[in-house]
Amino acid sequence: MDNVTHAALGIAAGIAVHRRGGSISAAAVAALLAAEAPDLDVFLRSADDPLEAFRWHRHFTHSFAFMPIWALLSAWVTTLFFHRRHNVGWRELFLPGLAGALTHLLCDGCTSYGTMLLWPFTEVRYAWDCLPIVDLFATLPLLTLAIMAWRKHSPRLATYALLWFAAYAALGMWQHARAERSLRTWFAQRNIEPERVAIKPTISNLFVWRAIWLNDGRWQVAALRNLPFTDTRMVVGESRPAWSATSVGNPPPYSEGAHIIADFSRFTGGWNTYDVQPGAILVGDIRFAMLPTSSKPLWSVRCAPGGTRADTTLIMDRGLQAGDWTRFGALLSGSDSRFIVTK
């Protein structure tokens, strides 16, 4: 989730659990620091390894096991600034710090990127796919209530802020389930038996969802629009072949390029597209694209046949084409002429 949302959740959580009679401001700051701390993993990167940032983002820093460390560090740093004026110690601020760190982990788990919540016991990335990375409808009421709670020293308003966000996430789960149910009904009507299916939220809304499925060696994407208490409507989007270890143009086994593609595949969970370019192949992550109907991945690995490190690069493609916002607006409003009812 974006850092503004993390900050607001941390502030609300810190105020809600602060020690009665203690400093609300100190509790809010400790929780705020702990709620932002897990994203320090963005500094774990290497110019020699194109996948370093992917490998460590939402890794051990986002685990339940690491929460006490963030709580302790945040409580200690906050004490340095508040001890003399508010006479608070780190023990008083440990629980707000722990609550702030917990909000970060659970909030990121609600998105689609995947979070290693149970590291070091497992490196499975948990993603509940019920909230977009950025959602103003979730964040603005939360931020308003959190600021009011701090200014008024009101744990009740802080609790309302947390309840708002929890209710919004629950709505996202309900919408996700509706979208998937409608998609599977559409599959049954057409005798499609996909090997894999995923439903992902799109930016700043819970109405239009990105559907991805694998069938007969190809990935297919679609946009699903489901307003509450209405039938789900769908626009079938682009298709792209799936990558496999036997795809033509793969680098030699045990080469650096093969290692990087294998590492990338572990990160994507095998949701890999395959494209042939002049003198190279492109292995992409089908889960994420700029438009819900687009099969063009946000990030890909480009590898030439030689398979050397120099032949292998990571490509980030967040560019928008002319008219993309208009097309997305048509999906949101329901005015896209390609919509069909899924049941």
Protein backbone atom coordinates (compact mmCIF):
# COMPACT_ATOMS: atom_id res chain seq x y z
CA MET A 1 0.00 0.00 0.00
CA ASP A 2 1.12 3.61 -0.41
CA ASN A 3 3.02 5.24 2.44
CA VAL A 4 0.30 7.78 3.27
CA THR A 5 -2.10 4.94 4.03
CA HIS A 6 0.55 3.18 6.12
CA ALA A 7 1.18 6.39 8.07
CA ALA A 8 -2.52 6.97 8.77
CA LEU A 9 -3.05 3.38 9.87
CA GLY A 10 0.00 3.56 12.13
CA ILE A 11 -1.15 6.78 13.79
CA ALA A 12 -4.65 5.41 14.37
CA ALA A 13 -3.36 2.11 15.75
CA GLY A 14 -0.88 3.83 18.08
CA ILE A 15 -3.52 6.14 19.52
CA ALA A 16 -6.04 3.30 19.87
CA VAL A 17 -3.68 1.15 21.98
CA HIS A 18 -1.77 3.85 23.87
CA ARG A 19 -1.40 3.45 27.62
CA ARG A 20 -4.14 5.26 29.52
CA GLY A 21 -2.66 8.40 31.00
CA GLY A 22 0.34 8.20 28.70
CA SER A 23 1.36 10.51 25.87
CA ILE A 24 -0.90 10.12 22.84
CA SER A 25 1.53 12.07 20.67
CA ALA A 26 4.43 9.80 21.60
CA ALA A 27 2.31 6.70 20.94
CA ALA A 28 1.23 8.09 17.57
CA VAL A 29 4.82 8.86 16.53
CA ALA A 30 6.14 5.45 17.63
CA ALA A 31 3.39 3.67 15.72
CA LEU A 32 3.90 5.91 12.69
CA LEU A 33 7.61 5.07 12.55
CA ALA A 34 6.92 1.36 12.96
CA ALA A 35 4.23 1.48 10.27
CA GLU A 36 6.69 2.95 7.78
CA ALA A 37 9.79 0.98 8.81
CA PRO A 38 9.14 -2.27 6.84
CA ASP A 39 9.51 -0.36 3.57
CA LEU A 40 13.15 0.39 4.37
CA ASP A 41 13.74 -2.72 2.26
CA VAL A 42 13.67 -0.43 -0.79
CA PHE A 43 17.31 0.34 -0.01
CA LEU A 44 18.26 -3.33 -0.48
CA ARG A 45 19.33 -3.25 -4.10
CA SER A 46 22.40 -3.95 -6.20
CA ALA A 47 23.62 -2.57 -9.49
CA ASP A 48 25.05 -6.02 -10.29
CA ASP A 49 21.77 -7.91 -9.75
CA PRO A 50 18.73 -6.71 -11.73
CA LEU A 51 16.34 -8.65 -9.47
CA GLU A 52 17.73 -7.55 -6.09
CA ALA A 53 14.88 -5.12 -5.43
CA PHE A 54 12.27 -7.75 -6.33
CA ARG A 55 13.95 -10.37 -4.18
CA TRP A 56 13.95 -8.34 -0.97
CA HIS A 57 10.85 -6.18 -1.25
CA ARG A 58 8.19 -7.40 1.20
CA HIS A 59 10.58 -10.09 2.38
CA PHE A 60 11.83 -10.52 5.97
CA THR A 61 11.14 -6.87 6.86
CA HIS A 62 7.44 -7.58 6.30
CA SER A 63 7.21 -10.71 8.45
CA PHE A 64 5.44 -11.20 11.76
CA ALA A 65 8.76 -12.42 13.18
CA PHE A 66 10.37 -9.04 12.44
CA MET A 67 7.56 -6.96 13.97
CA PRO A 68 9.05 -6.80 17.50
CA ILE A 69 12.30 -5.44 16.08
CA TRP A 70 10.52 -2.59 14.32
CA ALA A 71 8.44 -1.94 17.45
CA LEU A 72 11.52 -1.81 19.67
CA LEU A 73 13.49 0.45 17.32
CA SER A 74 10.56 2.81 16.83
CA ALA A 75 9.88 2.99 20.57
CA TRP A 76 13.54 3.73 21.28
CA VAL A 77 13.82 6.46 18.62
CA THR A 78 10.59 8.09 19.80
CA THR A 79 11.79 8.05 23.41
CA LEU A 80 14.84 10.09 22.42
CA PHE A 81 12.55 12.98 21.41
CA PHE A 82 9.74 12.62 23.96
CA HIS A 83 11.41 11.45 27.17
CA ARG A 84 12.21 14.82 28.72
CA ARG A 85 9.03 16.60 27.71
CA HIS A 86 6.54 13.77 28.21
CA ASN A 87 8.46 11.47 30.56
CA VAL A 88 7.83 8.36 28.48
CA GLY A 89 9.99 5.27 28.21
CA TRP A 90 10.40 2.71 25.47
CA ARG A 91 8.34 0.11 27.34
CA GLU A 92 5.30 2.37 27.19
CA LEU A 93 5.75 2.82 23.44
CA PHE A 94 6.51 -0.80 22.53
CA LEU A 95 2.83 -1.79 22.16
CA PRO A 96 1.96 1.20 19.92
CA GLY A 97 5.04 0.36 17.83
CA LEU A 98 3.95 -3.27 17.59
CA ALA A 99 0.44 -2.18 16.52
CA GLY A 100 1.87 0.17 13.90
CA ALA A 101 4.08 -2.54 12.40
CA LEU A 102 1.14 -4.97 12.36
CA THR A 103 -0.99 -2.54 10.34
CA HIS A 104 1.71 -2.37 7.67
CA LEU A 105 1.91 -6.13 7.28
CA LEU A 106 -1.84 -6.70 7.17
CA CYS A 107 -2.39 -3.74 4.85
CA ASP A 108 0.21 -5.00 2.36
CA GLY A 109 -1.28 -8.48 2.58
CA CYS A 110 -4.54 -7.03 1.27
CA THR A 111 -2.86 -6.02 -2.01
CA SER A 112 -1.69 -8.15 -4.92
CA TYR A 113 2.11 -7.96 -4.76
CA GLY A 114 2.59 -10.65 -2.13
CA THR A 115 4.05 -10.40 1.39
CA MET A 116 6.21 -12.94 3.26
CA LEU A 117 4.21 -12.75 6.48
CA LEU A 118 5.44 -16.09 7.87
CA TRP A 119 9.16 -15.77 7.11
CA PRO A 120 11.45 -17.54 8.18
CA PHE A 121 9.12 -20.54 8.44
CA THR A 122 8.05 -20.19 4.81
CA GLU A 123 8.84 -17.84 1.93
CA VAL A 124 5.30 -18.02 0.55
CA ARG A 125 4.05 -14.59 -0.48
CA TYR A 126 0.54 -14.02 0.82
CA ALA A 127 -1.70 -11.74 -1.26
CA TRP A 128 -5.43 -11.46 -0.54
CA ASP A 129 -6.09 -9.33 -3.64
CA CYS A 130 -8.83 -7.25 -2.03
CA LEU A 131 -7.35 -3.72 -2.18
CA PRO A 132 -5.40 -1.77 -4.83
CA ILE A 133 -1.98 -0.32 -4.01
CA VAL A 134 -3.48 3.20 -4.13
CA ASP A 135 -7.12 3.82 -3.24
CA LEU A 136 -8.25 7.32 -2.31
CA PHE A 137 -11.63 6.05 -1.14
CA ALA A 138 -9.88 3.96 1.49
CA THR A 139 -7.17 6.45 2.38
CA LEU A 140 -8.84 9.87 2.60
CA PRO A 141 -11.45 9.00 5.28
CA LEU A 142 -8.80 7.03 7.17
CA LEU A 143 -6.32 9.91 7.06
CA THR A 144 -8.95 12.47 8.10
CA LEU A 145 -10.03 10.42 11.11
CA ALA A 146 -6.43 9.68 12.12
CA ILE A 147 -5.46 13.37 12.05
CA MET A 148 -8.59 14.30 14.00
CA ALA A 149 -7.84 11.59 16.56
CA TRP A 150 -4.33 12.98 17.08
CA ARG A 151 -5.43 16.62 17.31
CA LYS A 152 -8.32 15.84 19.67
CA HIS A 153 -6.42 13.11 21.58
CA SER A 154 -9.34 10.80 20.88
CA PRO A 155 -8.83 7.01 20.93
CA ARG A 156 -12.47 6.70 19.84
CA LEU A 157 -11.81 8.52 16.56
CA ALA A 158 -8.71 6.38 16.06
CA THR A 159 -10.83 3.28 16.49
CA TYR A 160 -13.31 4.62 13.94
CA ALA A 161 -10.42 5.10 11.49
CA LEU A 162 -9.33 1.49 11.90
CA LEU A 163 -12.91 0.24 11.60
CA TRP A 164 -13.37 2.23 8.38
CA PHE A 165 -10.33 0.65 6.79
CA ALA A 166 -11.28 -2.84 7.97
CA ALA A 167 -14.80 -2.41 6.57
CA TYR A 168 -13.40 -1.20 3.24
CA ALA A 169 -11.07 -4.21 3.05
CA ALA A 170 -14.02 -6.49 3.83
CA LEU A 171 -15.95 -4.86 0.99
CA GLY A 172 -12.98 -5.57 -1.26
CA MET A 173 -13.03 -9.24 -0.27
CA TRP A 174 -16.74 -9.44 -1.05
CA GLN A 175 -16.27 -7.75 -4.42
CA HIS A 176 -13.35 -10.03 -5.23
CA ALA A 177 -15.46 -13.11 -4.45
CA ARG A 178 -18.32 -11.81 -6.62
CA ALA A 179 -15.98 -11.17 -9.55
CA GLU A 180 -14.40 -14.62 -9.32
CA ARG A 181 -17.77 -16.34 -9.01
CA SER A 182 -19.07 -14.57 -12.11
CA LEU A 183 -15.91 -15.40 -14.06
CA ARG A 184 -16.16 -19.09 -13.20
CA THR A 185 -19.80 -19.07 -14.29
CA TRP A 186 -18.66 -17.65 -17.63
CA PHE A 187 -16.04 -20.42 -17.86
CA ALA A 188 -18.67 -23.09 -17.24
CA GLN A 189 -20.95 -21.69 -19.94
CA ARG A 190 -18.13 -21.98 -22.48
CA ASN A 191 -16.62 -25.26 -21.25
CA ILE A 192 -13.36 -23.53 -20.39
CA GLU A 193 -11.25 -25.32 -17.79
CA PRO A 194 -8.41 -22.94 -16.95
CA GLU A 195 -5.25 -24.20 -15.29
CA ARG A 196 -4.81 -21.05 -13.20
CA VAL A 197 -7.08 -18.12 -12.37
CA ALA A 198 -6.44 -14.84 -10.55
CA ILE A 199 -8.54 -11.76 -9.85
CA LYS A 200 -6.73 -8.49 -9.08
CA PRO A 201 -8.05 -5.05 -8.07
CA THR A 202 -7.35 -2.03 -10.26
CA ILE A 203 -6.21 1.41 -9.17
CA SER A 204 -8.32 3.38 -6.66
CA ASN A 205 -11.59 1.45 -6.97
CA LEU A 206 -13.35 -1.79 -6.04
CA PHE A 207 -15.60 -1.91 -9.11
CA VAL A 208 -13.29 -2.92 -12.00
CA TRP A 209 -11.14 -6.02 -11.53
CA ARG A 210 -8.42 -7.58 -13.64
CA ALA A 211 -8.95 -11.26 -14.41
CA ILE A 212 -6.11 -13.52 -15.60
CA TRP A 213 -6.32 -17.17 -16.55
CA LEU A 214 -4.18 -19.79 -18.24
CA ASN A 215 -5.75 -22.04 -20.87
CA ASP A 216 -4.07 -24.16 -23.56
CA GLY A 217 -0.67 -22.56 -23.03
CA ARG A 218 -1.88 -18.96 -23.27
CA TRP A 219 -2.65 -16.28 -20.74
CA GLN A 220 -5.92 -14.42 -21.22
CA VAL A 221 -6.86 -11.21 -19.44
CA ALA A 222 -10.19 -9.46 -19.00
CA ALA A 223 -11.80 -6.58 -17.12
CA LEU A 224 -14.68 -7.42 -14.78
CA ARG A 225 -17.00 -4.62 -13.69
CA ASN A 226 -19.23 -5.48 -10.76
CA LEU A 227 -21.15 -2.76 -9.01
CA PRO A 228 -22.75 -3.99 -5.77
CA PHE A 229 -26.09 -5.74 -6.30
CA THR A 230 -25.79 -5.78 -10.10
CA ASP A 231 -24.71 -8.43 -12.59
CA THR A 232 -21.01 -8.55 -13.38
CA ARG A 233 -20.06 -7.38 -16.87
CA MET A 234 -16.86 -8.30 -18.68
CA VAL A 235 -14.57 -7.08 -21.43
CA VAL A 236 -12.31 -9.83 -22.77
CA GLY A 237 -8.87 -8.36 -23.31
CA GLU A 238 -5.58 -9.43 -24.81
CA SER A 239 -3.92 -12.82 -24.88
CA ARG A 240 -0.25 -13.78 -24.68
CA PRO A 241 1.64 -17.11 -24.74
CA ALA A 242 2.92 -18.56 -21.47
CA TRP A 243 6.63 -19.10 -20.89
CA SER A 244 7.99 -22.55 -20.03
CA ALA A 245 11.39 -24.09 -19.49
CA THR A 246 11.19 -25.50 -23.03
CA SER A 247 10.27 -22.25 -24.78
CA VAL A 248 12.26 -21.55 -27.95
CA GLY A 249 15.05 -19.04 -27.38
CA ASN A 250 15.66 -19.81 -23.71
CA PRO A 251 19.26 -19.24 -22.57
CA PRO A 252 21.51 -22.27 -22.02
CA PRO A 253 20.84 -24.24 -18.82
CA TYR A 254 22.93 -23.10 -15.84
CA SER A 255 23.82 -19.83 -17.54
CA GLU A 256 23.45 -16.53 -15.67
CA GLY A 257 20.45 -15.68 -17.85
CA ALA A 258 18.77 -18.99 -17.00
CA HIS A 259 19.42 -18.34 -13.31
CA ILE A 260 17.91 -14.85 -13.49
CA ILE A 261 14.80 -16.11 -15.31
CA ALA A 262 14.39 -18.90 -12.74
CA ASP A 263 14.73 -16.34 -9.94
CA PHE A 264 12.20 -14.09 -11.65
CA SER A 265 9.83 -17.03 -12.03
CA ARG A 266 10.02 -17.75 -8.29
CA PHE A 267 9.07 -14.14 -7.63
CA THR A 268 6.13 -14.26 -10.07
CA GLY A 269 4.97 -17.67 -8.89
CA GLY A 270 5.10 -18.91 -12.47
CA TRP A 271 2.72 -16.30 -13.93
CA ASN A 272 5.11 -15.76 -16.83
CA THR A 273 4.41 -14.54 -20.33
CA TYR A 274 6.66 -15.23 -23.30
CA ASP A 275 7.51 -12.97 -26.22
CA VAL A 276 10.12 -13.21 -28.94
CA GLN A 277 12.04 -10.09 -29.88
CA PRO A 278 14.83 -9.65 -32.42
CA GLY A 279 17.76 -11.47 -30.86
CA ALA A 280 16.14 -12.08 -27.47
CA ILE A 281 13.17 -13.41 -25.53
CA LEU A 282 11.06 -11.47 -23.04
CA VAL A 283 9.72 -13.23 -19.94
CA GLY A 284 7.13 -11.06 -18.19
CA ASP A 285 4.82 -11.07 -15.17
CA ILE A 286 1.24 -11.31 -16.46
CA ARG A 287 -0.28 -10.41 -13.09
CA PHE A 288 0.29 -6.68 -13.42
CA ALA A 289 -0.32 -4.28 -16.32
CA MET A 290 -1.27 -0.64 -16.78
CA LEU A 291 -4.77 -1.55 -18.04
CA PRO A 292 -6.91 -4.48 -16.85
CA THR A 293 -7.43 -5.57 -20.46
CA SER A 294 -3.73 -5.39 -21.39
CA SER A 295 -1.42 -8.41 -21.44
CA LYS A 296 1.70 -6.23 -21.57
CA PRO A 297 3.53 -6.81 -18.26
CA LEU A 298 4.76 -4.00 -16.03
CA TRP A 299 8.08 -5.79 -15.61
CA SER A 300 9.92 -8.38 -17.68
CA VAL A 301 13.32 -10.02 -18.07
CA ARG A 302 14.92 -9.65 -21.50
CA CYS A 303 17.50 -12.32 -22.29
CA ALA A 304 19.57 -12.90 -25.42
CA PRO A 305 20.49 -16.47 -26.48
CA GLY A 306 23.97 -16.21 -24.99
CA GLY A 307 22.54 -16.07 -21.47
CA THR A 308 25.36 -13.95 -20.03
CA ARG A 309 24.72 -11.27 -17.39
CA ALA A 310 25.34 -8.63 -20.07
CA ASP A 311 22.70 -10.33 -22.24
CA THR A 312 20.08 -10.18 -19.47
CA THR A 313 18.27 -7.05 -18.31
CA LEU A 314 15.19 -6.16 -16.27
CA ILE A 315 12.67 -4.02 -18.13
CA MET A 316 10.18 -1.82 -16.26
CA ASP A 317 7.37 -0.57 -18.47
CA ARG A 318 4.89 1.75 -16.73
CA GLY A 319 4.29 3.86 -19.82
CA LEU A 320 0.75 4.81 -20.79
CA GLN A 321 -0.34 4.94 -24.41
CA ALA A 322 -2.47 7.76 -25.80
CA GLY A 323 -6.07 7.20 -24.74
CA ASP A 324 -5.33 4.70 -21.94
CA TRP A 325 -6.97 6.86 -19.26
CA THR A 326 -10.00 7.29 -21.49
CA ARG A 327 -10.21 3.52 -21.98
CA PHE A 328 -9.91 2.92 -18.25
CA GLY A 329 -12.58 5.55 -17.60
CA ALA A 330 -14.92 3.72 -20.00
CA LEU A 331 -14.37 0.51 -18.04
CA LEU A 332 -15.13 2.30 -14.77
CA SER A 333 -18.24 4.03 -16.08
CA GLY A 334 -19.49 0.96 -17.93
CA SER A 335 -19.65 2.81 -21.25
CA ASP A 336 -17.19 0.51 -23.06
CA SER A 337 -19.10 -1.03 -25.98
CA ARG A 338 -17.32 -4.37 -25.56
CA PHE A 339 -18.99 -5.22 -22.25
CA ILE A 340 -20.88 -8.50 -22.02
CA VAL A 341 -22.90 -9.86 -19.08
CA THR A 342 -21.21 -12.88 -17.54
CA LYS A 343 -24.40 -14.66 -16.52
